[in-house]
Amino acid sequence: MVAKPKPRATYKDVLEAPEHVIAEVLFGVLYTFPRPTPRHTRVTSNLGFDLGGPFDRGAGGPGGWIILDEPELHLGKPPDEDILVPDLAGWRRTRMKKLPEEAYFTLAPDWVCEVLSSSTQAVDRSDKMTIYAREGVKHAWLVDPIVKTLEVYKLRSKAWVRAKVFRDEAKVKAEPFAAITLDLKRLWTL
């Protein structure tokens, strides 16, 4: 007997997922993940604060960006649409002139950041990074709050190149936000 193939997951499946999970559709497969742990959330918030002032608001930095927490991205072309929720994402204001009216974004970001956890790390490093590359996201950061690392990736010829890995309490100048020095120690502190 041949197993009947599962139908591709859709936005309807995301909307019907329980409220206490983050639901994503990657290559037609529905993934549900528990809400982030407090440590994960704190690292994401700290990074958002540190980048948001100088880049989103232009306070002590060049401005020119829209940086958002957990935006819902609808990427690809139907019926192959992928639905992703990065921890942080940023768009250059020159590309995003206004926010969409829908509850999601169809314009791929210029930068994404995934804060890794035991439940999301495999998918973040594989399927999500593949989709981000396919969609032309220029920069990706992977942050691991347990081992205290920041991995910086740049898109080159539709493939990710790891530009640098920073760890512990390093002072960081990393693309696309090299206009400021980011103190990693601030990410890991309560």
Protein backbone atom coordinates (compact mmCIF):
# COMPACT_ATOMS: atom_id res chain seq x y z
CA MET A 1 0.00 0.00 0.00
CA VAL A 2 1.29 3.47 -0.91
CA ALA A 3 1.01 6.23 1.68
CA LYS A 4 -1.16 9.10 0.61
CA PRO A 5 0.91 12.32 0.45
CA LYS A 6 0.00 15.01 2.94
CA PRO A 7 -1.44 18.17 1.46
CA ARG A 8 0.77 21.24 1.52
CA ALA A 9 0.27 23.39 4.60
CA THR A 10 -1.31 26.79 4.02
CA TYR A 11 -1.90 30.07 5.81
CA LYS A 12 -5.16 28.59 7.07
CA ASP A 13 -3.08 26.02 9.00
CA VAL A 14 -1.03 28.84 10.55
CA LEU A 15 -4.19 30.69 11.58
CA GLU A 16 -5.67 27.52 13.11
CA ALA A 17 -2.54 26.71 15.16
CA PRO A 18 -2.89 27.03 18.94
CA GLU A 19 -2.23 30.53 20.29
CA HIS A 20 0.63 29.38 22.53
CA VAL A 21 2.88 28.38 19.60
CA ILE A 22 4.64 30.06 16.71
CA ALA A 23 3.46 28.48 13.46
CA GLU A 24 5.45 28.60 10.23
CA VAL A 25 5.14 26.95 6.81
CA LEU A 26 8.46 26.00 5.26
CA PHE A 27 8.49 24.25 1.89
CA GLY A 28 4.85 23.29 2.39
CA VAL A 29 5.32 21.75 5.85
CA LEU A 30 3.67 23.22 8.95
CA TYR A 31 6.03 23.68 11.90
CA THR A 32 4.89 24.71 15.35
CA PHE A 33 7.33 25.83 17.99
CA PRO A 34 6.82 26.74 21.64
CA ARG A 35 7.03 30.39 22.53
CA PRO A 36 10.62 31.45 23.26
CA THR A 37 12.12 31.03 26.71
CA PRO A 38 12.71 34.15 28.82
CA ARG A 39 16.48 34.03 28.07
CA HIS A 40 15.77 33.85 24.32
CA THR A 41 13.25 36.69 24.56
CA ARG A 42 15.64 38.84 26.60
CA VAL A 43 18.48 38.41 24.08
CA THR A 44 16.12 39.27 21.20
CA SER A 45 14.81 42.33 23.04
CA ASN A 46 18.31 43.53 23.97
CA LEU A 47 19.48 43.23 20.37
CA GLY A 48 16.37 45.00 19.10
CA PHE A 49 16.94 47.86 21.56
CA ASP A 50 20.63 48.18 20.65
CA LEU A 51 19.96 48.28 16.90
CA GLY A 52 16.61 50.07 16.93
CA GLY A 53 17.83 53.36 18.39
CA PRO A 54 20.66 54.08 15.96
CA PHE A 55 19.23 52.40 12.87
CA ASP A 56 15.43 52.54 13.11
CA ARG A 57 15.18 55.86 14.99
CA GLY A 58 18.50 57.42 13.98
CA ALA A 59 19.44 58.10 17.62
CA GLY A 60 23.25 57.98 17.75
CA GLY A 61 23.41 56.30 14.36
CA PRO A 62 22.62 56.67 10.68
CA GLY A 63 18.93 55.66 10.70
CA GLY A 64 17.53 54.39 7.42
CA TRP A 65 16.05 51.11 8.67
CA ILE A 66 12.77 49.63 9.87
CA ILE A 67 13.57 46.95 12.47
CA LEU A 68 10.77 44.75 13.80
CA ASP A 69 10.32 41.93 16.33
CA GLU A 70 8.79 38.70 15.04
CA PRO A 71 7.33 39.98 11.77
CA GLU A 72 5.32 37.40 9.85
CA LEU A 73 6.83 36.99 6.37
CA HIS A 74 4.94 35.50 3.42
CA LEU A 75 7.64 34.71 0.87
CA GLY A 76 7.75 32.79 -2.38
CA LYS A 77 5.01 32.43 -4.95
CA PRO A 78 1.70 30.63 -4.30
CA PRO A 79 1.13 27.75 -4.09
CA ASP A 80 4.73 27.45 -2.86
CA GLU A 81 4.37 30.24 -0.36
CA ASP A 82 6.54 30.05 2.75
CA ILE A 83 5.47 31.67 6.02
CA LEU A 84 8.31 32.53 8.39
CA VAL A 85 8.60 34.41 11.66
CA PRO A 86 12.19 35.54 12.28
CA ASP A 87 13.05 36.83 15.75
CA LEU A 88 14.08 40.17 14.25
CA ALA A 89 14.06 41.54 10.72
CA GLY A 90 15.07 44.80 9.12
CA TRP A 91 14.26 46.57 5.90
CA ARG A 92 16.09 49.55 4.46
CA ARG A 93 13.65 52.44 4.31
CA THR A 94 14.62 52.97 0.68
CA ARG A 95 12.97 49.60 -0.08
CA MET A 96 10.02 49.77 2.32
CA LYS A 97 8.40 53.14 1.85
CA LYS A 98 5.36 52.25 3.99
CA LEU A 99 4.13 49.41 6.16
CA PRO A 100 1.70 46.94 4.58
CA GLU A 101 -1.97 46.98 5.54
CA GLU A 102 -2.02 43.18 5.97
CA ALA A 103 -0.83 41.46 9.15
CA TYR A 104 2.21 40.17 7.28
CA PHE A 105 5.02 41.25 4.95
CA THR A 106 5.53 40.03 1.38
CA LEU A 107 8.66 42.10 0.82
CA ALA A 108 11.71 40.10 1.90
CA PRO A 109 13.80 41.86 4.55
CA ASP A 110 17.35 43.08 3.97
CA TRP A 111 18.47 41.52 7.27
CA VAL A 112 17.12 38.74 9.49
CA CYS A 113 18.16 37.53 12.91
CA GLU A 114 17.29 34.16 14.35
CA VAL A 115 17.97 33.61 18.04
CA LEU A 116 18.67 29.89 18.28
CA SER A 117 17.06 27.50 20.73
CA SER A 118 17.10 23.73 21.06
CA SER A 119 13.63 23.51 19.47
CA THR A 120 14.33 25.81 16.49
CA GLN A 121 18.05 25.57 15.74
CA ALA A 122 17.89 22.82 13.08
CA VAL A 123 15.11 24.54 11.12
CA ASP A 124 16.65 28.01 11.55
CA ARG A 125 20.00 26.82 10.18
CA SER A 126 18.60 24.80 7.29
CA ASP A 127 15.16 25.49 5.80
CA LYS A 128 14.83 29.09 6.96
CA MET A 129 18.33 30.09 5.83
CA THR A 130 17.65 28.40 2.46
CA ILE A 131 14.43 30.38 2.02
CA TYR A 132 16.09 33.64 3.06
CA ALA A 133 18.83 33.06 0.47
CA ARG A 134 16.30 32.20 -2.24
CA GLU A 135 14.43 35.44 -1.50
CA GLY A 136 17.60 37.56 -1.67
CA VAL A 137 17.89 38.57 2.00
CA LYS A 138 21.36 40.16 2.03
CA HIS A 139 22.36 39.64 5.67
CA ALA A 140 21.53 37.07 8.35
CA TRP A 141 22.60 36.79 11.96
CA LEU A 142 22.33 33.66 14.07
CA VAL A 143 22.57 34.34 17.80
CA ASP A 144 23.04 31.54 20.33
CA PRO A 145 22.24 32.75 23.86
CA ILE A 146 23.52 29.55 25.49
CA VAL A 147 27.02 29.50 24.02
CA LYS A 148 26.97 33.30 23.63
CA THR A 149 27.81 33.60 19.94
CA LEU A 150 26.82 35.83 17.05
CA GLU A 151 27.32 34.37 13.57
CA VAL A 152 27.23 36.93 10.76
CA TYR A 153 26.31 35.78 7.24
CA LYS A 154 26.36 37.62 3.90
CA LEU A 155 24.59 36.50 0.74
CA ARG A 156 26.97 35.96 -2.17
CA SER A 157 25.70 34.53 -5.48
CA LYS A 158 22.54 33.21 -3.77
CA ALA A 159 24.58 31.33 -1.15
CA TRP A 160 25.42 32.20 2.46
CA VAL A 161 29.00 33.00 3.36
CA ARG A 162 29.81 33.11 7.05
CA ALA A 163 31.62 36.42 7.40
CA LYS A 164 32.49 36.26 11.09
CA VAL A 165 31.70 34.61 14.42
CA PHE A 166 31.82 36.71 17.59
CA ARG A 167 31.54 35.32 21.10
CA ASP A 168 31.20 36.06 24.76
CA GLU A 169 31.80 39.76 25.52
CA ALA A 170 33.20 40.86 22.15
CA LYS A 171 32.79 44.38 20.85
CA VAL A 172 31.29 43.92 17.40
CA LYS A 173 31.11 45.90 14.18
CA ALA A 174 29.09 43.70 11.86
CA GLU A 175 27.32 44.26 8.57
CA PRO A 176 24.86 45.64 7.88
CA PHE A 177 25.11 47.57 11.16
CA ALA A 178 28.85 48.25 11.24
CA ALA A 179 28.22 51.99 11.82
CA ILE A 180 28.03 51.24 15.55
CA THR A 181 29.91 49.00 17.97
CA LEU A 182 27.64 46.37 19.47
CA ASP A 183 28.69 45.13 22.91
CA LEU A 184 27.71 41.44 23.08
CA LYS A 185 27.94 41.50 26.86
CA ARG A 186 24.77 43.63 26.83
CA LEU A 187 22.90 40.89 24.98
CA TRP A 188 23.56 38.23 27.59
CA THR A 189 22.89 40.33 30.72
CA LEU A 190 19.64 40.40 32.62
